[in-house]
Amino acid sequence: MRPVFAQSKDMSSRPRPSVAALRVAFCAVAILGALTSVFAQSNQTLRVVPLVKDDHVLVSFELAGGLTEEVRGAIRSGLKTTFTYNVELRLDVPAWVDRTISTATVATSVEYDNLTRTNNVVRMLDGRVEQAISTQNDDVVRTWLTNLVRLPLFNTSLLEPNRDYYIRVSATARPTNGSILWPFGSGPSAQSRFTFIR
């Protein structure tokens, strides 16, 4: 029988990770999380088109891929669902911080009635009801939630002639109780430039 020898090691002599190594590891985890979020949002794209006509800046946009199967399922369950678009009119200031001239919020809500199989859709502009419809057509619901066509959001009296501006739109979606993790979380955003000529 062989004798067994045990030797205790001093654990305090084991090298500890440096602060720099911990920072690198933390940054790697943060970047991985951001990439995961970007990958989840890759199917949703927002396209913005501004148009100056008469005395208004007309804003059109489309959120492609915004009405996912998860969102459709939530609507079909009867959960009130709201798509909110925050729209900013900004002055492009070269070599300085761009200035926000005005903002508007467009929110479209849909609530499905299981008894009548009807979608009740309401569009609000800055908290005021602009339009409301009832429909059984899913394509109409998709259009109302993800498209806005030539809505006169801003007055040209706010603009200076021969200056560059842009419209920035950011989108979010949520149920009223906030219980579902939406596919685009904080939401995609996009912007489009134009020159006001008078």
Protein backbone atom coordinates (compact mmCIF):
# COMPACT_ATOMS: atom_id res chain seq x y z
CA MET A 1 0.00 0.00 0.00
CA ARG A 2 1.38 3.36 -1.03
CA PRO A 3 1.22 6.30 1.31
CA VAL A 4 -0.83 9.20 0.03
CA PHE A 5 0.48 12.68 0.56
CA ALA A 6 -1.75 15.72 0.43
CA GLN A 7 -0.52 19.23 0.22
CA SER A 8 -2.69 22.27 0.67
CA LYS A 9 -2.20 25.11 -1.78
CA ASP A 10 -2.33 28.69 -0.78
CA MET A 11 -5.29 30.01 -2.81
CA SER A 12 -4.25 33.59 -2.26
CA SER A 13 -1.28 33.05 -4.56
CA ARG A 14 -3.59 32.28 -7.53
CA PRO A 15 -3.56 35.23 -9.98
CA ARG A 16 -6.72 37.33 -9.87
CA PRO A 17 -8.20 38.84 -13.04
CA SER A 18 -7.10 42.41 -13.59
CA VAL A 19 -9.51 45.34 -13.80
CA ALA A 20 -8.69 45.67 -17.50
CA ALA A 21 -9.60 42.01 -18.13
CA LEU A 22 -12.91 42.45 -16.31
CA ARG A 23 -13.68 45.56 -18.39
CA VAL A 24 -12.92 43.68 -21.62
CA ALA A 25 -15.21 40.82 -20.55
CA PHE A 26 -18.00 43.26 -19.63
CA CYS A 27 -17.68 45.08 -22.99
CA ALA A 28 -17.80 41.76 -24.85
CA VAL A 29 -21.03 40.80 -23.08
CA ALA A 30 -22.54 44.24 -23.80
CA ILE A 31 -21.61 44.05 -27.50
CA LEU A 32 -23.06 40.53 -27.77
CA GLY A 33 -26.31 41.77 -26.22
CA ALA A 34 -26.46 44.71 -28.65
CA LEU A 35 -25.84 42.43 -31.63
CA THR A 36 -28.62 40.12 -30.47
CA SER A 37 -30.97 43.11 -30.25
CA VAL A 38 -29.95 44.32 -33.72
CA PHE A 39 -30.44 40.83 -35.14
CA ALA A 40 -33.93 40.67 -33.61
CA GLN A 41 -34.79 44.00 -35.24
CA SER A 42 -33.31 43.17 -38.64
CA ASN A 43 -36.69 42.20 -40.10
CA GLN A 44 -38.23 45.58 -39.28
CA THR A 45 -37.28 48.56 -41.43
CA LEU A 46 -38.69 52.05 -41.26
CA ARG A 47 -38.81 54.24 -44.37
CA VAL A 48 -39.56 57.98 -44.09
CA VAL A 49 -40.55 60.38 -46.90
CA PRO A 50 -41.09 64.11 -46.18
CA LEU A 51 -42.80 66.41 -48.69
CA VAL A 52 -43.23 70.18 -48.50
CA LYS A 53 -46.55 71.24 -50.03
CA ASP A 54 -48.36 74.53 -49.61
CA ASP A 55 -47.95 75.51 -45.96
CA HIS A 56 -47.21 72.08 -44.49
CA VAL A 57 -44.54 69.44 -44.22
CA LEU A 58 -46.31 66.21 -45.14
CA VAL A 59 -44.83 63.08 -43.61
CA SER A 60 -45.19 59.55 -44.99
CA PHE A 61 -43.60 56.44 -43.54
CA GLU A 62 -43.85 52.67 -43.62
CA LEU A 63 -42.75 50.14 -41.01
CA ALA A 64 -42.01 47.03 -43.08
CA GLY A 65 -42.12 43.80 -41.09
CA GLY A 66 -43.68 45.51 -38.08
CA LEU A 67 -46.74 43.29 -37.88
CA THR A 68 -45.06 40.01 -36.92
CA GLU A 69 -46.83 36.76 -36.08
CA GLU A 70 -46.34 37.48 -32.36
CA VAL A 71 -48.06 40.84 -32.73
CA ARG A 72 -50.87 39.32 -34.80
CA GLY A 73 -51.35 36.69 -32.10
CA ALA A 74 -51.57 39.35 -29.40
CA ILE A 75 -54.17 41.26 -31.42
CA ARG A 76 -56.20 38.10 -32.05
CA SER A 77 -56.21 37.39 -28.30
CA GLY A 78 -58.14 40.65 -27.81
CA LEU A 79 -55.22 42.52 -26.23
CA LYS A 80 -55.30 46.23 -27.12
CA THR A 81 -52.18 46.91 -29.17
CA THR A 82 -50.70 50.34 -29.89
CA PHE A 83 -48.07 51.36 -32.44
CA THR A 84 -46.57 54.75 -31.53
CA TYR A 85 -44.47 56.88 -33.85
CA ASN A 86 -42.52 59.83 -32.43
CA VAL A 87 -41.80 62.29 -35.23
CA GLU A 88 -39.23 65.08 -34.96
CA LEU A 89 -38.65 67.98 -37.34
CA ARG A 90 -34.98 68.92 -36.96
CA LEU A 91 -32.75 71.62 -38.38
CA ASP A 92 -29.47 70.32 -39.80
CA VAL A 93 -26.71 72.48 -38.26
CA PRO A 94 -23.29 71.73 -39.80
CA ALA A 95 -20.45 71.33 -37.24
CA TRP A 96 -22.87 71.81 -34.35
CA VAL A 97 -25.72 70.07 -32.56
CA ASP A 98 -28.86 69.74 -34.70
CA ARG A 99 -31.87 71.59 -33.32
CA THR A 100 -35.34 70.13 -32.82
CA ILE A 101 -37.88 72.54 -34.32
CA SER A 102 -41.08 70.63 -33.48
CA THR A 103 -42.34 67.16 -32.52
CA ALA A 104 -45.49 65.13 -33.10
CA THR A 105 -46.72 61.78 -31.82
CA VAL A 106 -48.89 59.51 -33.96
CA ALA A 107 -50.39 56.50 -32.17
CA THR A 108 -52.59 53.84 -33.76
CA SER A 109 -54.39 51.35 -31.52
CA VAL A 110 -56.27 48.21 -32.45
CA GLU A 111 -58.56 46.12 -30.27
CA TYR A 112 -60.08 42.90 -31.59
CA ASP A 113 -63.63 42.02 -30.54
CA ASN A 114 -63.88 38.21 -30.39
CA LEU A 115 -67.69 38.24 -30.43
CA THR A 116 -68.14 40.27 -33.62
CA ARG A 117 -64.71 39.36 -35.09
CA THR A 118 -64.15 43.04 -35.75
CA ASN A 119 -61.02 45.15 -35.29
CA ASN A 120 -61.65 48.58 -33.77
CA VAL A 121 -58.83 50.86 -34.94
CA VAL A 122 -58.16 54.39 -33.65
CA ARG A 123 -55.47 56.82 -34.84
CA MET A 124 -54.47 59.66 -32.53
CA LEU A 125 -52.29 62.70 -33.21
CA ASP A 126 -50.71 64.31 -30.14
CA GLY A 127 -53.39 62.75 -27.92
CA ARG A 128 -56.37 63.77 -30.09
CA VAL A 129 -58.46 61.24 -31.99
CA GLU A 130 -58.01 61.85 -35.73
CA GLN A 131 -59.76 58.82 -37.23
CA ALA A 132 -61.50 55.64 -36.12
CA ILE A 133 -62.76 52.64 -38.09
CA SER A 134 -64.09 49.13 -37.54
CA THR A 135 -62.99 46.43 -39.96
CA GLN A 136 -62.75 42.66 -40.37
CA ASN A 137 -60.01 43.01 -42.99
CA ASP A 138 -56.53 42.16 -41.62
CA ASP A 139 -54.82 44.03 -44.48
CA VAL A 140 -56.59 47.24 -43.48
CA VAL A 141 -55.40 46.76 -39.89
CA ARG A 142 -51.81 46.19 -41.06
CA THR A 143 -51.93 49.33 -43.20
CA TRP A 144 -53.30 51.46 -40.37
CA LEU A 145 -50.67 50.18 -37.90
CA THR A 146 -47.60 50.33 -40.13
CA ASN A 147 -48.27 53.10 -42.71
CA LEU A 148 -48.83 56.80 -42.63
CA VAL A 149 -49.42 58.67 -45.89
CA ARG A 150 -48.91 62.42 -46.29
CA LEU A 151 -50.03 63.50 -42.86
CA PRO A 152 -49.59 67.29 -42.42
CA LEU A 153 -47.62 67.22 -39.17
CA PHE A 154 -45.71 70.52 -39.31
CA ASN A 155 -46.36 74.04 -40.57
CA THR A 156 -43.79 75.65 -42.90
CA SER A 157 -43.99 78.87 -40.86
CA LEU A 158 -41.56 77.11 -38.49
CA LEU A 159 -38.94 76.80 -41.25
CA GLU A 160 -36.27 79.20 -42.47
CA PRO A 161 -35.91 79.48 -46.27
CA ASN A 162 -33.02 77.70 -47.99
CA ARG A 163 -32.06 75.61 -44.96
CA ASP A 164 -31.59 71.85 -44.64
CA TYR A 165 -33.95 69.93 -42.38
CA TYR A 166 -34.77 66.32 -41.68
CA ILE A 167 -37.63 64.27 -40.32
CA ARG A 168 -36.71 61.63 -37.75
CA VAL A 169 -39.23 58.90 -36.84
CA SER A 170 -38.88 56.30 -34.09
CA ALA A 171 -41.40 53.49 -33.64
CA THR A 172 -42.51 51.46 -30.63
CA ALA A 173 -45.30 48.96 -30.07
CA ARG A 174 -46.89 47.71 -26.90
CA PRO A 175 -49.99 46.22 -25.39
CA THR A 176 -51.74 48.38 -22.80
CA ASN A 177 -50.50 46.28 -19.87
CA GLY A 178 -46.89 46.01 -21.08
CA SER A 179 -46.80 42.25 -20.51
CA ILE A 180 -45.39 41.13 -23.86
CA LEU A 181 -41.79 41.50 -25.00
CA TRP A 182 -42.20 43.03 -28.43
CA PRO A 183 -40.01 42.04 -31.36
CA PHE A 184 -38.55 45.52 -31.70
CA GLY A 185 -38.35 46.54 -28.03
CA SER A 186 -37.37 50.20 -28.04
CA GLY A 187 -38.14 50.28 -31.76
CA PRO A 188 -36.50 51.02 -35.10
CA SER A 189 -35.91 54.58 -36.24
CA ALA A 190 -35.15 56.33 -39.53
CA GLN A 191 -34.70 59.81 -40.90
CA SER A 192 -34.95 61.62 -44.22
CA ARG A 193 -33.58 65.00 -45.23
CA PHE A 194 -35.11 67.81 -47.26
CA THR A 195 -34.31 71.43 -48.15
CA PHE A 196 -36.91 74.11 -47.58
CA ILE A 197 -36.76 76.48 -50.56
CA ARG A 198 -38.84 79.64 -50.73
